Amino acid sequence: MTKQVFISYSGRDEFEASLLQYALERILENEGVVAWTFQRDQGRSERDIAQSLKHRVQESVASIFLVSPDTLDSGASQWMELAYADAFDVKTFILLHHLTFDELKQRAQECHHYSCRANVIPRWTGRRLLRTLESRLRGN
C-alpha cells in the first residue's frame, strides 16, 4: 500500500526538495512511501492548481514543510499548504533550510501567518525525523 508524504517548499528550494524526495523514497521504500513534490508530480494539465494541492495534502499521511528565507519572504502557496495540512489533521514536520531556529523566531515577529508563531521543536535530527515518520506510517 502506497503512503504519500507531501513536501511543501519554495520554488527556489526545488533542488533541495528533490534531494529530500529521493532520500525519503529510498530510505522508507519498505514502508511504501511516495514523496509528493510539485515539480515532479503536479499534473501540468490540471487547471486548478490550488484545488489539486489541497487534494494532495488531504490524501497524505504526513507533510514536510521546508522553511527557508524564501518561504518567509514570498511563500504564500506554502502557507496555504500548511493551512490545508492543519485543516485535514495531517502530521507536519517543519525543516529549516538556510535558517536557524533563532532567525525564525526573530522573523516570526514580521510574519503575520499563525504558523510563524507556532510551537516548533528546534534541533530535530534527520534520524529523529525519519524514526517519527516511520512510526506514523506504521500507525503507531
N, C-alpha and C. Protein backbone atom coordinates (compact mmCIF):
# COMPACT_ATOMS: atom_id res chain seq x y z
N MET A 1 0.83 -1.18 0.00
CA MET A 1 0.00 0.00 0.00
C MET A 1 0.88 1.25 0.00
N THR A 2 0.64 2.14 -0.93
CA THR A 2 1.41 3.37 -1.05
C THR A 2 0.95 4.39 -0.02
N LYS A 3 1.94 5.04 0.60
CA LYS A 3 1.67 6.08 1.58
C LYS A 3 2.35 7.35 1.10
N GLN A 4 1.57 8.39 0.91
CA GLN A 4 2.09 9.63 0.36
C GLN A 4 2.53 10.59 1.46
N VAL A 5 3.71 11.17 1.27
CA VAL A 5 4.21 12.25 2.12
C VAL A 5 4.32 13.48 1.22
N PHE A 6 3.65 14.55 1.61
CA PHE A 6 3.62 15.79 0.84
C PHE A 6 4.79 16.66 1.26
N ILE A 7 5.59 17.14 0.30
CA ILE A 7 6.70 18.03 0.59
C ILE A 7 6.35 19.43 0.09
N SER A 8 6.29 20.38 1.01
CA SER A 8 6.00 21.77 0.69
C SER A 8 7.31 22.55 0.70
N TYR A 9 7.55 23.33 -0.35
CA TYR A 9 8.82 24.06 -0.45
C TYR A 9 8.65 25.27 -1.37
N SER A 10 9.54 26.22 -1.20
CA SER A 10 9.58 27.38 -2.09
C SER A 10 10.16 26.93 -3.43
N GLY A 11 9.71 27.55 -4.50
CA GLY A 11 10.24 27.21 -5.82
C GLY A 11 11.75 27.36 -5.90
N ARG A 12 12.30 28.26 -5.13
CA ARG A 12 13.76 28.45 -5.14
C ARG A 12 14.48 27.31 -4.43
N ASP A 13 13.75 26.50 -3.68
CA ASP A 13 14.34 25.36 -2.98
C ASP A 13 14.01 24.04 -3.67
N GLU A 14 13.73 24.12 -4.95
CA GLU A 14 13.33 22.94 -5.72
C GLU A 14 14.39 21.83 -5.70
N PHE A 15 15.65 22.19 -5.83
CA PHE A 15 16.72 21.19 -5.85
C PHE A 15 16.77 20.45 -4.51
N GLU A 16 16.73 21.20 -3.40
CA GLU A 16 16.79 20.59 -2.08
C GLU A 16 15.57 19.70 -1.85
N ALA A 17 14.41 20.14 -2.33
CA ALA A 17 13.20 19.34 -2.19
C ALA A 17 13.32 18.03 -2.96
N SER A 18 13.94 18.09 -4.14
CA SER A 18 14.10 16.86 -4.93
C SER A 18 15.06 15.89 -4.24
N LEU A 19 16.09 16.42 -3.58
CA LEU A 19 17.00 15.55 -2.81
C LEU A 19 16.27 14.91 -1.63
N LEU A 20 15.46 15.70 -0.95
CA LEU A 20 14.68 15.18 0.17
C LEU A 20 13.70 14.12 -0.31
N GLN A 21 13.06 14.38 -1.44
CA GLN A 21 12.12 13.42 -2.02
C GLN A 21 12.83 12.10 -2.32
N TYR A 22 13.97 12.17 -2.95
CA TYR A 22 14.72 10.97 -3.29
C TYR A 22 15.12 10.20 -2.02
N ALA A 23 15.65 10.92 -1.03
CA ALA A 23 16.10 10.27 0.21
C ALA A 23 14.93 9.59 0.93
N LEU A 24 13.81 10.29 1.04
CA LEU A 24 12.65 9.70 1.72
C LEU A 24 12.17 8.43 1.02
N GLU A 25 12.08 8.49 -0.29
CA GLU A 25 11.59 7.32 -1.03
C GLU A 25 12.55 6.14 -0.94
N ARG A 26 13.84 6.41 -0.91
CA ARG A 26 14.81 5.31 -0.82
C ARG A 26 14.86 4.75 0.60
N ILE A 27 14.94 5.62 1.59
CA ILE A 27 15.08 5.16 2.97
C ILE A 27 13.81 4.49 3.47
N LEU A 28 12.66 4.98 3.05
CA LEU A 28 11.38 4.46 3.54
C LEU A 28 10.65 3.61 2.48
N GLU A 29 11.39 3.07 1.52
CA GLU A 29 10.73 2.30 0.47
C GLU A 29 10.03 1.05 1.00
N ASN A 30 10.54 0.45 2.08
CA ASN A 30 9.89 -0.72 2.66
C ASN A 30 8.55 -0.38 3.29
N GLU A 31 8.34 0.89 3.58
CA GLU A 31 7.06 1.35 4.13
C GLU A 31 6.09 1.77 3.02
N GLY A 32 6.52 1.70 1.77
CA GLY A 32 5.67 2.06 0.64
C GLY A 32 5.50 3.56 0.47
N VAL A 33 6.51 4.33 0.85
CA VAL A 33 6.41 5.79 0.82
C VAL A 33 6.67 6.35 -0.58
N VAL A 34 5.79 7.25 -0.97
CA VAL A 34 5.97 8.07 -2.16
C VAL A 34 5.94 9.51 -1.67
N ALA A 35 7.01 10.25 -1.93
CA ALA A 35 7.08 11.64 -1.51
C ALA A 35 6.62 12.52 -2.68
N TRP A 36 5.57 13.31 -2.45
CA TRP A 36 4.97 14.12 -3.49
C TRP A 36 5.61 15.51 -3.51
N THR A 37 6.07 15.93 -4.69
CA THR A 37 6.54 17.31 -4.87
C THR A 37 5.86 17.90 -6.09
N PHE A 38 5.70 19.20 -6.06
CA PHE A 38 5.06 19.90 -7.16
C PHE A 38 5.81 19.69 -8.46
N GLN A 39 7.13 19.84 -8.42
CA GLN A 39 7.94 19.76 -9.64
C GLN A 39 7.77 18.43 -10.36
N ARG A 40 7.82 17.33 -9.65
CA ARG A 40 7.76 16.01 -10.29
C ARG A 40 6.33 15.51 -10.49
N ASP A 41 5.44 15.80 -9.55
CA ASP A 41 4.17 15.09 -9.52
C ASP A 41 2.93 15.90 -9.90
N GLN A 42 3.03 17.21 -9.96
CA GLN A 42 1.85 18.01 -10.31
C GLN A 42 1.53 17.85 -11.79
N GLY A 43 0.33 17.44 -12.08
CA GLY A 43 -0.10 17.30 -13.48
C GLY A 43 -0.16 18.64 -14.16
N ARG A 44 0.52 18.77 -15.26
CA ARG A 44 0.57 20.05 -15.98
C ARG A 44 -0.77 20.38 -16.63
N SER A 45 -1.61 19.37 -16.80
CA SER A 45 -2.91 19.60 -17.43
C SER A 45 -3.97 20.05 -16.43
N GLU A 46 -3.66 19.95 -15.14
CA GLU A 46 -4.64 20.34 -14.13
C GLU A 46 -4.73 21.86 -14.09
N ARG A 47 -5.94 22.37 -14.31
CA ARG A 47 -6.12 23.82 -14.37
C ARG A 47 -6.18 24.46 -12.99
N ASP A 48 -6.83 23.83 -12.07
CA ASP A 48 -7.00 24.39 -10.75
C ASP A 48 -5.93 23.85 -9.81
N ILE A 49 -4.77 24.51 -9.83
CA ILE A 49 -3.63 24.04 -9.05
C ILE A 49 -3.93 24.08 -7.56
N ALA A 50 -4.59 25.14 -7.10
CA ALA A 50 -4.90 25.25 -5.66
C ALA A 50 -5.75 24.07 -5.19
N GLN A 51 -6.73 23.69 -5.98
CA GLN A 51 -7.59 22.56 -5.62
C GLN A 51 -6.79 21.26 -5.65
N SER A 52 -5.90 21.14 -6.61
CA SER A 52 -5.06 19.95 -6.70
C SER A 52 -4.15 19.83 -5.48
N LEU A 53 -3.53 20.94 -5.08
CA LEU A 53 -2.65 20.93 -3.91
C LEU A 53 -3.44 20.55 -2.66
N LYS A 54 -4.62 21.11 -2.54
CA LYS A 54 -5.48 20.79 -1.39
C LYS A 54 -5.75 19.29 -1.33
N HIS A 55 -6.08 18.72 -2.48
CA HIS A 55 -6.36 17.28 -2.55
C HIS A 55 -5.11 16.46 -2.21
N ARG A 56 -3.96 16.87 -2.72
CA ARG A 56 -2.70 16.13 -2.46
C ARG A 56 -2.35 16.16 -0.97
N VAL A 57 -2.54 17.31 -0.34
CA VAL A 57 -2.27 17.38 1.10
C VAL A 57 -3.24 16.49 1.85
N GLN A 58 -4.51 16.56 1.49
CA GLN A 58 -5.54 15.80 2.19
C GLN A 58 -5.29 14.30 2.13
N GLU A 59 -4.79 13.80 1.02
CA GLU A 59 -4.58 12.35 0.88
C GLU A 59 -3.22 11.88 1.42
N SER A 60 -2.46 12.79 2.01
CA SER A 60 -1.14 12.46 2.54
C SER A 60 -1.22 11.98 3.99
N VAL A 61 -0.30 11.09 4.35
CA VAL A 61 -0.23 10.62 5.73
C VAL A 61 0.63 11.55 6.58
N ALA A 62 1.46 12.35 5.91
CA ALA A 62 2.30 13.33 6.60
C ALA A 62 2.74 14.38 5.58
N SER A 63 3.17 15.51 6.10
CA SER A 63 3.74 16.53 5.21
C SER A 63 5.03 17.05 5.82
N ILE A 64 5.91 17.48 4.95
CA ILE A 64 7.16 18.10 5.37
C ILE A 64 7.15 19.52 4.81
N PHE A 65 7.30 20.47 5.70
CA PHE A 65 7.26 21.89 5.37
C PHE A 65 8.69 22.40 5.42
N LEU A 66 9.31 22.59 4.25
CA LEU A 66 10.69 23.05 4.15
C LEU A 66 10.68 24.57 4.19
N VAL A 67 11.11 25.13 5.31
CA VAL A 67 11.05 26.58 5.51
C VAL A 67 12.43 27.19 5.27
N SER A 68 12.47 28.15 4.38
CA SER A 68 13.71 28.87 4.08
C SER A 68 13.41 30.37 4.12
N PRO A 69 14.42 31.20 4.00
CA PRO A 69 14.14 32.63 3.92
C PRO A 69 13.16 32.98 2.79
N ASP A 70 13.21 32.22 1.70
CA ASP A 70 12.27 32.46 0.59
C ASP A 70 10.83 32.20 1.00
N THR A 71 10.62 31.20 1.86
CA THR A 71 9.27 30.92 2.36
C THR A 71 8.74 32.13 3.13
N LEU A 72 9.60 32.69 3.97
CA LEU A 72 9.17 33.82 4.79
C LEU A 72 8.98 35.09 3.96
N ASP A 73 9.74 35.21 2.86
CA ASP A 73 9.64 36.40 2.02
C ASP A 73 8.47 36.36 1.06
N SER A 74 8.21 35.17 0.49
CA SER A 74 7.17 35.13 -0.55
C SER A 74 6.55 33.76 -0.72
N GLY A 75 6.35 33.04 0.36
CA GLY A 75 5.86 31.66 0.25
C GLY A 75 4.37 31.52 0.47
N ALA A 76 3.56 32.34 -0.19
CA ALA A 76 2.11 32.32 0.03
C ALA A 76 1.51 30.94 -0.20
N SER A 77 1.93 30.26 -1.25
CA SER A 77 1.34 28.94 -1.51
C SER A 77 1.77 27.94 -0.45
N GLN A 78 2.98 28.09 0.08
CA GLN A 78 3.41 27.19 1.15
C GLN A 78 2.55 27.38 2.39
N TRP A 79 2.22 28.60 2.74
CA TRP A 79 1.38 28.84 3.91
C TRP A 79 0.00 28.22 3.69
N MET A 80 -0.48 28.27 2.45
CA MET A 80 -1.76 27.66 2.12
C MET A 80 -1.68 26.15 2.31
N GLU A 81 -0.59 25.54 1.85
CA GLU A 81 -0.40 24.10 2.01
C GLU A 81 -0.32 23.72 3.49
N LEU A 82 0.33 24.55 4.28
CA LEU A 82 0.42 24.28 5.72
C LEU A 82 -0.96 24.39 6.37
N ALA A 83 -1.74 25.36 5.93
CA ALA A 83 -3.11 25.50 6.46
C ALA A 83 -3.96 24.28 6.09
N TYR A 84 -3.79 23.77 4.88
CA TYR A 84 -4.52 22.55 4.48
C TYR A 84 -4.13 21.38 5.38
N ALA A 85 -2.82 21.23 5.63
CA ALA A 85 -2.35 20.13 6.50
C ALA A 85 -2.97 20.26 7.88
N ASP A 86 -3.05 21.46 8.38
CA ASP A 86 -3.66 21.68 9.69
C ASP A 86 -5.15 21.35 9.65
N ALA A 87 -5.83 21.81 8.61
CA ALA A 87 -7.28 21.58 8.50
C ALA A 87 -7.62 20.10 8.38
N PHE A 88 -6.77 19.35 7.69
CA PHE A 88 -7.04 17.92 7.49
C PHE A 88 -6.32 17.04 8.52
N ASP A 89 -5.72 17.66 9.52
CA ASP A 89 -5.02 16.96 10.60
C ASP A 89 -3.93 16.03 10.05
N VAL A 90 -3.15 16.55 9.11
CA VAL A 90 -2.03 15.81 8.54
C VAL A 90 -0.79 16.17 9.37
N LYS A 91 -0.15 15.17 9.93
CA LYS A 91 1.05 15.38 10.74
C LYS A 91 2.08 16.13 9.89
N THR A 92 2.60 17.24 10.42
CA THR A 92 3.52 18.08 9.66
C THR A 92 4.85 18.21 10.39
N PHE A 93 5.92 18.00 9.64
CA PHE A 93 7.27 18.17 10.13
C PHE A 93 7.85 19.42 9.49
N ILE A 94 8.41 20.30 10.29
CA ILE A 94 8.96 21.55 9.77
C ILE A 94 10.48 21.44 9.77
N LEU A 95 11.06 21.60 8.58
CA LEU A 95 12.52 21.58 8.43
C LEU A 95 12.99 22.97 8.06
N LEU A 96 14.00 23.45 8.78
CA LEU A 96 14.56 24.76 8.49
C LEU A 96 15.72 24.60 7.52
N HIS A 97 15.73 25.44 6.48
CA HIS A 97 16.75 25.37 5.44
C HIS A 97 17.33 26.77 5.24
N HIS A 98 18.63 26.90 5.46
CA HIS A 98 19.31 28.21 5.41
C HIS A 98 18.67 29.18 6.39
N LEU A 99 18.25 28.66 7.52
CA LEU A 99 17.55 29.46 8.52
C LEU A 99 17.71 28.75 9.86
N THR A 100 18.17 29.48 10.87
CA THR A 100 18.28 28.89 12.19
C THR A 100 16.97 29.09 12.94
N PHE A 101 16.81 28.35 14.03
CA PHE A 101 15.62 28.49 14.84
C PHE A 101 15.52 29.91 15.40
N ASP A 102 16.64 30.46 15.84
CA ASP A 102 16.63 31.83 16.36
C ASP A 102 16.25 32.83 15.28
N GLU A 103 16.73 32.63 14.05
CA GLU A 103 16.34 33.53 12.95
C GLU A 103 14.85 33.41 12.66
N LEU A 104 14.34 32.20 12.73
CA LEU A 104 12.90 32.00 12.51
C LEU A 104 12.09 32.75 13.57
N LYS A 105 12.50 32.61 14.82
CA LYS A 105 11.80 33.32 15.90
C LYS A 105 11.85 34.83 15.69
N GLN A 106 13.00 35.32 15.28
CA GLN A 106 13.14 36.77 15.04
C GLN A 106 12.26 37.20 13.87
N ARG A 107 12.28 36.43 12.81
CA ARG A 107 11.47 36.77 11.63
C ARG A 107 9.98 36.58 11.88
N ALA A 108 9.63 35.75 12.87
CA ALA A 108 8.22 35.49 13.18
C ALA A 108 7.50 36.77 13.58
N GLN A 109 8.22 37.69 14.14
CA GLN A 109 7.61 38.97 14.51
C GLN A 109 7.15 39.73 13.27
N GLU A 110 7.82 39.49 12.14
CA GLU A 110 7.47 40.16 10.89
C GLU A 110 6.37 39.40 10.14
N CYS A 111 6.24 38.12 10.46
CA CYS A 111 5.32 37.24 9.73
C CYS A 111 3.94 37.28 10.36
N HIS A 112 2.92 37.40 9.53
CA HIS A 112 1.56 37.50 10.04
C HIS A 112 0.83 36.16 10.07
N HIS A 113 1.44 35.13 9.52
CA HIS A 113 0.79 33.82 9.50
C HIS A 113 0.93 33.17 10.87
N TYR A 114 -0.13 32.52 11.32
CA TYR A 114 -0.13 31.92 12.65
C TYR A 114 0.97 30.89 12.83
N SER A 115 1.37 30.20 11.77
CA SER A 115 2.36 29.14 11.88
C SER A 115 3.74 29.68 12.22
N CYS A 116 3.99 30.93 11.90
CA CYS A 116 5.28 31.52 12.24
C CYS A 116 5.45 31.59 13.75
N ARG A 117 4.34 31.68 14.46
CA ARG A 117 4.40 31.82 15.90
C ARG A 117 4.05 30.53 16.62
N ALA A 118 3.91 29.44 15.88
CA ALA A 118 3.54 28.15 16.47
C ALA A 118 4.71 27.57 17.26
N ASN A 119 4.41 26.60 18.07
CA ASN A 119 5.46 25.91 18.81
C ASN A 119 6.21 25.01 17.85
N VAL A 120 7.50 25.26 17.70
CA VAL A 120 8.35 24.48 16.81
C VAL A 120 9.45 23.87 17.67
N ILE A 121 9.72 22.60 17.45
CA ILE A 121 10.77 21.93 18.21
C ILE A 121 12.09 22.13 17.48
N PRO A 122 13.03 22.86 18.09
CA PRO A 122 14.33 23.05 17.43
C PRO A 122 15.18 21.80 17.56
N ARG A 123 16.16 21.70 16.71
CA ARG A 123 17.18 20.67 16.79
C ARG A 123 16.68 19.25 16.56
N TRP A 124 15.73 19.08 15.70
CA TRP A 124 15.35 17.73 15.29
C TRP A 124 16.41 17.24 14.34
N THR A 125 16.90 16.06 14.57
CA THR A 125 17.88 15.49 13.66
C THR A 125 17.15 14.75 12.54
N GLY A 126 17.85 14.52 11.46
CA GLY A 126 17.27 13.77 10.35
C GLY A 126 16.83 12.38 10.77
N ARG A 127 17.62 11.75 11.63
CA ARG A 127 17.27 10.40 12.10
C ARG A 127 16.01 10.42 12.93
N ARG A 128 15.88 11.42 13.79
CA ARG A 128 14.67 11.51 14.62
C ARG A 128 13.45 11.75 13.74
N LEU A 129 13.60 12.59 12.73
CA LEU A 129 12.51 12.83 11.79
C LEU A 129 12.10 11.53 11.12
N LEU A 130 13.08 10.77 10.64
CA LEU A 130 12.78 9.51 9.95
C LEU A 130 12.12 8.50 10.88
N ARG A 131 12.62 8.39 12.11
CA ARG A 131 12.00 7.45 13.06
C ARG A 131 10.56 7.83 13.36
N THR A 132 10.32 9.12 13.55
CA THR A 132 8.97 9.58 13.84
C THR A 132 8.06 9.37 12.63
N LEU A 133 8.57 9.65 11.46
CA LEU A 133 7.79 9.45 10.24
C LEU A 133 7.50 7.98 10.02
N GLU A 134 8.48 7.11 10.24
CA GLU A 134 8.27 5.67 10.12
C GLU A 134 7.19 5.20 11.08
N SER A 135 7.26 5.68 12.30
CA SER A 135 6.25 5.31 13.31
C SER A 135 4.87 5.75 12.85
N ARG A 136 4.78 6.94 12.32
CA ARG A 136 3.49 7.47 11.83
C ARG A 136 2.96 6.62 10.68
N LEU A 137 3.86 6.21 9.80
CA LEU A 137 3.45 5.40 8.64
C LEU A 137 2.97 4.01 9.05
N ARG A 138 3.52 3.50 10.14
CA ARG A 138 3.13 2.19 10.62
C ARG A 138 1.87 2.24 11.49
N GLY A 139 1.41 3.48 11.75
CA GLY A 139 0.19 3.63 12.54
C GLY A 139 0.40 3.59 14.04
N ASN A 140 1.64 3.72 14.47
CA ASN A 140 1.95 3.71 15.92
C ASN A 140 1.73 5.08 16.54
